[in-house]
Structures are given as C-alpha cells and as structure tokens.
C-alpha cells in the first residue's frame, strides 16, 4: 500500500524541521570567532536566559504554530479544491503570492513589534522575554513570550497565507524560506558568502542593532524589507568591520 504524506502535513512540519536544521548549521559556524558579531564570551555573559529555556520556549511556540496551521489548512481546504479543479499556478502567480505574503508578513510584524516596544506594560511583561537574548543566536530566533508568538509570528503567518491565496503546497516553500531568513537574521554571524545579504538589507547586522540598547527603538522590520523603518523614521543603517581579535562588529552608519 502506497503511503502518501499530504501537502498540509508537509506545510505544517517541514518549516519546523528546517528551523532546527539551519539553526544547527549556523551554530556550527558560530563556534568560529571569525564569523561572529559578538564574542562567545559576550554571548555567555550578556544573555539573560539559558539555552535550555530557549529550546523549551521555541518548541512550545512551534507546537502552537503547528496546531494553527493544521486548523487553517482544514478550514480552507485549498489543496483539495486545486486537485478537484485541476488547478495549476503559473510561475508569475506563484511570485505574486510569495511577494504578497512577504508584504503582509512584514507589515503585520513591524507594527506589532513596534507597539510592543512603545507600550511599557507590554514590553516589560511580554516582549522583554525576546530581548533577554542581548547577543542573538540562531535557534533563539523564535524565542518569545507565548502571547507574542501567537499574535506576532503565528497570526502574521496565517494572514500571509490567507491574503496571498497560496496553497498548502506553495506554503511549504514560502514558510521554509521565511524560516531560514529569520534564523539568518538572528544568527549573530557575518558569513563571507550569504545569499540574503545580496538581496535584503534586513540582515543579521541590521537586526543585531535592534537587540542592543542604543538601537532598541530602531530597526523594527523583520524578515524581508526595511520599508516601514524608512517611512516611519525608525531606520538605523549599519555596517560591519573586522575586530582586531577576530570576528566582526556592527557600526552605526551616520547621515545615510
């Protein structure tokens, strides 16, 4: 008997597997100081939460995301409809769907993220949990308060899926790509060859600025674009330079 794994099941769990695979790869690179934006000593001394608790928090959030994804796929039933009607999307339609999803994801997360910083109560009791990672690292990308994970990450993903009109099969690729991107943004590394740094200004150095005290009110943009930061005056450009003792450090660029 042939065993077939549904696109809905793959769309639910493949991004989770991708998260841990790529996190592990980045953590291996992080064992070498020459790629790091902060020293290993800084990571050990400045971060306010243990790696064990980070893993527990991320696994809990991924369990919530998986549950929401399964509900969403069941309610929409898009793959069943596509199969029944023999629907085949062109490459142009897939690009439109992906771009729409990227815009929706970025817009929702920018304004949620910014509000969590400007509302002192919400920052103290919810968003500050993510900022316990003063020195970000790869598998801490999704570490956050459960409420932030639900209304920020999970809700933005659900809206991106619904508004873009993508199928569960397309979502496998989109959310895997978005997962790799958010891991890269939080990896705390500056690798010599990085596809994301070629196409996206929002990268590991850009987001590292936000995790530092001087940049906590800037660079709210997450995932792909920095448009909202530029439009609304929260854009703090940066560059990287080599440290004398190895690795890189992030420097704010003035008057850009």
Protein backbone atom coordinates (compact mmCIF):
# COMPACT_ATOMS: atom_id res chain seq x y z
CA UNK A 1 0.00 0.00 0.00
CA UNK A 2 1.37 3.36 -1.03
CA UNK A 3 1.94 5.83 1.79
CA UNK A 4 1.33 9.46 0.81
CA UNK A 5 2.15 12.42 3.02
CA UNK A 6 -0.26 15.27 2.40
CA UNK A 7 0.86 18.78 1.48
CA UNK A 8 -0.96 20.02 4.58
CA UNK A 9 1.19 17.80 6.80
CA UNK A 10 4.35 18.86 4.99
CA UNK A 11 3.34 22.53 5.17
CA UNK A 12 2.91 22.14 8.92
CA UNK A 13 6.11 20.32 9.84
CA UNK A 14 8.72 20.98 7.13
CA UNK A 15 9.34 24.60 8.30
CA UNK A 16 9.89 23.28 11.84
CA UNK A 17 12.45 20.73 10.64
CA UNK A 18 14.09 23.43 8.50
CA UNK A 19 14.33 25.70 11.56
CA UNK A 20 16.35 23.20 13.58
CA UNK A 21 18.49 22.01 10.66
CA UNK A 22 19.58 25.51 9.68
CA UNK A 23 19.94 26.59 13.30
CA UNK A 24 22.32 23.70 13.83
CA UNK A 25 24.31 24.69 10.76
CA UNK A 26 24.61 28.31 11.91
CA UNK A 27 25.56 27.22 15.42
CA UNK A 28 28.43 25.22 13.90
CA UNK A 29 29.67 28.33 12.10
CA UNK A 30 29.29 30.18 15.41
CA UNK A 31 31.95 28.02 17.01
CA UNK A 32 34.48 30.04 14.98
CA UNK A 33 35.10 33.56 16.26
CA UNK A 34 35.98 34.84 12.79
CA UNK A 35 32.30 34.84 11.77
CA UNK A 36 30.76 36.20 14.97
CA UNK A 37 29.27 39.67 15.50
CA UNK A 38 29.86 39.25 19.25
CA UNK A 39 32.40 37.14 21.06
CA UNK A 40 31.43 33.83 22.62
CA UNK A 41 32.25 35.38 25.99
CA UNK A 42 29.73 38.17 25.37
CA UNK A 43 27.10 35.60 24.45
CA UNK A 44 27.68 33.69 27.68
CA UNK A 45 27.82 36.76 29.93
CA UNK A 46 25.21 39.14 28.47
CA UNK A 47 22.33 36.82 27.65
CA UNK A 48 19.77 36.55 30.43
CA UNK A 49 18.25 33.16 29.63
CA UNK A 50 19.75 29.69 29.37
CA UNK A 51 19.86 27.80 26.07
CA UNK A 52 17.74 25.04 27.65
CA UNK A 53 14.93 27.50 28.38
CA UNK A 54 15.24 28.97 24.89
CA UNK A 55 14.77 25.49 23.38
CA UNK A 56 11.71 24.87 25.56
CA UNK A 57 10.20 28.21 24.58
CA UNK A 58 10.77 27.67 20.86
CA UNK A 59 9.35 24.13 20.92
CA UNK A 60 6.22 25.40 22.68
CA UNK A 61 5.73 28.13 20.08
CA UNK A 62 6.25 25.66 17.23
CA UNK A 63 3.62 23.37 18.75
CA UNK A 64 1.16 26.29 18.73
CA UNK A 65 2.10 27.18 15.15
CA UNK A 66 1.63 23.58 14.01
CA UNK A 67 -1.81 23.46 15.61
CA UNK A 68 -2.89 26.71 13.95
CA UNK A 69 -1.51 25.56 10.58
CA UNK A 70 -3.47 22.30 10.69
CA UNK A 71 -6.67 24.16 11.58
CA UNK A 72 -6.07 26.69 8.80
CA UNK A 73 -5.44 24.00 6.18
CA UNK A 74 -8.54 22.10 7.28
CA UNK A 75 -10.79 25.17 7.17
CA UNK A 76 -9.57 26.48 3.81
CA UNK A 77 -9.25 23.10 2.07
CA UNK A 78 -7.27 24.73 -0.73
CA UNK A 79 -5.30 21.74 -1.93
CA UNK A 80 -8.44 19.61 -2.22
CA UNK A 81 -10.05 22.35 -4.31
CA UNK A 82 -6.98 22.68 -6.54
CA UNK A 83 -6.85 18.92 -7.16
CA UNK A 84 -10.58 18.73 -7.84
CA UNK A 85 -10.41 21.56 -10.38
CA UNK A 86 -7.00 20.54 -11.78
CA UNK A 87 -5.61 23.99 -10.96
CA UNK A 88 -2.00 24.70 -11.96
CA UNK A 89 -0.46 28.02 -10.98
CA UNK A 90 1.96 29.77 -13.30
CA UNK A 91 5.34 30.95 -12.09
CA UNK A 92 4.04 34.52 -12.25
CA UNK A 93 1.12 33.67 -9.99
CA UNK A 94 3.44 31.99 -7.50
CA UNK A 95 5.73 35.04 -7.49
CA UNK A 96 2.70 37.26 -6.88
CA UNK A 97 1.60 35.05 -4.00
CA UNK A 98 5.06 35.00 -2.45
CA UNK A 99 5.52 38.76 -2.76
CA UNK A 100 2.06 39.41 -1.29
CA UNK A 101 2.81 37.08 1.61
CA UNK A 102 6.14 38.82 2.23
CA UNK A 103 4.46 42.25 2.37
CA UNK A 104 1.68 41.05 4.68
CA UNK A 105 4.14 39.25 6.97
CA UNK A 106 6.46 42.26 7.21
CA UNK A 107 3.68 44.82 7.70
CA UNK A 108 1.91 42.92 10.46
CA UNK A 109 5.12 42.14 12.32
CA UNK A 110 6.52 45.67 12.02
CA UNK A 111 3.54 47.31 13.69
CA UNK A 112 3.10 44.59 16.33
CA UNK A 113 6.82 44.70 17.08
CA UNK A 114 6.92 48.48 17.31
CA UNK A 115 3.87 48.63 19.59
CA UNK A 116 5.39 46.03 21.90
CA UNK A 117 8.35 48.37 22.37
CA UNK A 118 6.40 51.58 22.83
CA UNK A 119 3.84 50.19 25.27
CA UNK A 120 5.84 49.93 28.51
CA UNK A 121 3.50 47.38 30.09
CA UNK A 122 3.60 45.06 27.07
CA UNK A 123 7.36 45.43 26.73
CA UNK A 124 8.01 44.68 30.39
CA UNK A 125 5.68 41.68 30.60
CA UNK A 126 5.84 40.26 27.06
CA UNK A 127 8.42 41.47 24.55
CA UNK A 128 11.31 41.80 27.00
CA UNK A 129 11.42 37.99 27.02
CA UNK A 130 12.78 38.01 23.46
CA UNK A 131 15.32 40.70 24.39
CA UNK A 132 16.82 38.51 27.08
CA UNK A 133 18.97 37.47 24.13
CA UNK A 134 21.18 40.56 24.01
CA UNK A 135 23.54 38.56 21.83
CA UNK A 136 21.25 36.73 19.39
CA UNK A 137 21.98 33.24 18.10
CA UNK A 138 20.30 31.06 15.50
CA UNK A 139 17.90 28.81 17.41
CA UNK A 140 16.81 31.74 19.58
CA UNK A 141 15.12 33.35 16.56
CA UNK A 142 11.63 32.25 17.66
CA UNK A 143 12.22 32.60 21.39
CA UNK A 144 9.49 34.90 22.70
CA UNK A 145 6.56 35.15 25.11
CA UNK A 146 3.73 32.77 24.08
CA UNK A 147 1.34 35.69 23.52
CA UNK A 148 3.82 37.45 21.26
CA UNK A 149 4.42 34.21 19.41
CA UNK A 150 0.68 33.79 18.87
CA UNK A 151 -0.28 37.35 17.89
CA UNK A 152 3.00 38.21 16.17
CA UNK A 153 4.60 35.24 14.43
CA UNK A 154 1.65 32.84 14.15
CA UNK A 155 -1.00 35.42 13.27
CA UNK A 156 1.20 37.11 10.66
CA UNK A 157 1.85 33.74 9.02
CA UNK A 158 -1.86 32.89 8.94
CA UNK A 159 -2.71 36.27 7.40
CA UNK A 160 0.07 35.95 4.82
CA UNK A 161 -1.29 32.53 3.82
CA UNK A 162 -4.90 33.72 3.58
CA UNK A 163 -4.32 37.06 1.84
CA UNK A 164 -1.84 35.70 -0.71
CA UNK A 165 -4.13 32.83 -1.68
CA UNK A 166 -1.30 30.31 -1.74
CA UNK A 167 -1.95 26.59 -1.50
CA UNK A 168 -0.56 24.34 1.26
CA UNK A 169 1.97 23.06 -1.27
CA UNK A 170 3.20 26.59 -2.03
CA UNK A 171 3.26 27.36 1.70
CA UNK A 172 5.82 24.58 2.25
CA UNK A 173 8.33 26.56 0.22
CA UNK A 174 7.34 30.04 1.36
CA UNK A 175 7.40 29.35 5.09
CA UNK A 176 10.56 27.28 4.83
CA UNK A 177 12.20 30.25 3.09
CA UNK A 178 10.84 32.68 5.72
CA UNK A 179 12.09 30.35 8.47
CA UNK A 180 15.63 30.27 7.06
CA UNK A 181 15.53 34.06 6.74
CA UNK A 182 14.52 34.66 10.36
CA UNK A 183 17.17 32.20 11.56
CA UNK A 184 19.75 34.06 9.48
CA UNK A 185 18.61 37.44 10.90
CA UNK A 186 19.15 36.20 14.45
CA UNK A 187 22.25 34.07 13.89
CA UNK A 188 24.71 36.67 15.21
CA UNK A 189 27.11 35.87 12.38
CA UNK A 190 28.52 37.66 9.35
CA UNK A 191 29.35 34.96 6.82
CA UNK A 192 31.55 35.75 3.80
CA UNK A 193 29.04 34.28 1.32
CA UNK A 194 25.41 34.90 2.15
CA UNK A 195 22.56 34.96 -0.39
CA UNK A 196 20.34 37.01 1.92
CA UNK A 197 22.85 39.85 2.23
CA UNK A 198 22.84 40.28 -1.53
CA UNK A 199 19.07 40.73 -1.86
CA UNK A 200 17.94 42.00 1.55
CA UNK A 201 19.12 45.00 3.57
CA UNK A 202 17.39 43.46 6.56
CA UNK A 203 20.11 41.05 7.72
CA UNK A 204 21.91 39.74 10.81
CA UNK A 205 23.79 43.02 11.38
CA UNK A 206 20.67 45.15 10.85
CA UNK A 207 18.72 43.14 13.40
CA UNK A 208 21.66 42.97 15.81
CA UNK A 209 21.41 46.77 16.11
CA UNK A 210 17.86 46.36 17.39
CA UNK A 211 18.98 43.93 20.10
CA UNK A 212 21.44 46.47 21.52
CA UNK A 213 20.41 49.19 23.98
CA UNK A 214 21.28 52.02 21.58
CA UNK A 215 19.12 50.53 18.82
CA UNK A 216 16.13 49.17 20.72
CA UNK A 217 13.82 51.88 19.29
CA UNK A 218 15.05 51.30 15.74
CA UNK A 219 15.15 48.58 13.09
CA UNK A 220 11.81 47.01 13.96
CA UNK A 221 11.50 45.49 10.50
CA UNK A 222 11.60 41.72 10.41
CA UNK A 223 12.11 39.13 7.71
CA UNK A 224 12.47 40.84 4.35
CA UNK A 225 12.16 44.60 3.82
CA UNK A 226 13.10 47.76 5.74
CA UNK A 227 10.47 49.95 4.05
CA UNK A 228 8.41 50.66 7.16
CA UNK A 229 11.51 51.62 9.14
CA UNK A 230 12.46 54.11 6.44
CA UNK A 231 8.97 55.57 6.06
CA UNK A 232 8.31 55.95 9.79
CA UNK A 233 11.73 57.15 10.95
CA UNK A 234 12.92 54.05 12.79
CA UNK A 235 15.68 53.20 10.33
CA UNK A 236 19.22 52.93 11.73
CA UNK A 237 21.63 51.86 8.96
CA UNK A 238 24.77 49.97 9.89
CA UNK A 239 27.88 48.32 8.54
CA UNK A 240 30.30 45.69 9.77
CA UNK A 241 34.03 45.93 10.38
CA UNK A 242 36.55 43.36 11.47
CA UNK A 243 37.59 43.20 15.10
CA UNK A 244 41.28 43.09 15.84
CA UNK A 245 40.94 39.87 17.81
CA UNK A 246 38.79 38.18 15.15
CA UNK A 247 35.20 38.31 14.05
CA UNK A 248 33.14 41.38 13.20
CA UNK A 249 31.41 44.22 14.99
CA UNK A 250 28.41 46.25 13.91
CA UNK A 251 28.83 50.00 13.47
CA UNK A 252 26.02 52.52 13.01
CA UNK A 253 26.31 54.48 9.76
CA UNK A 254 25.77 58.22 10.26
CA UNK A 255 23.88 60.57 7.92
CA UNK A 256 22.72 57.97 5.43
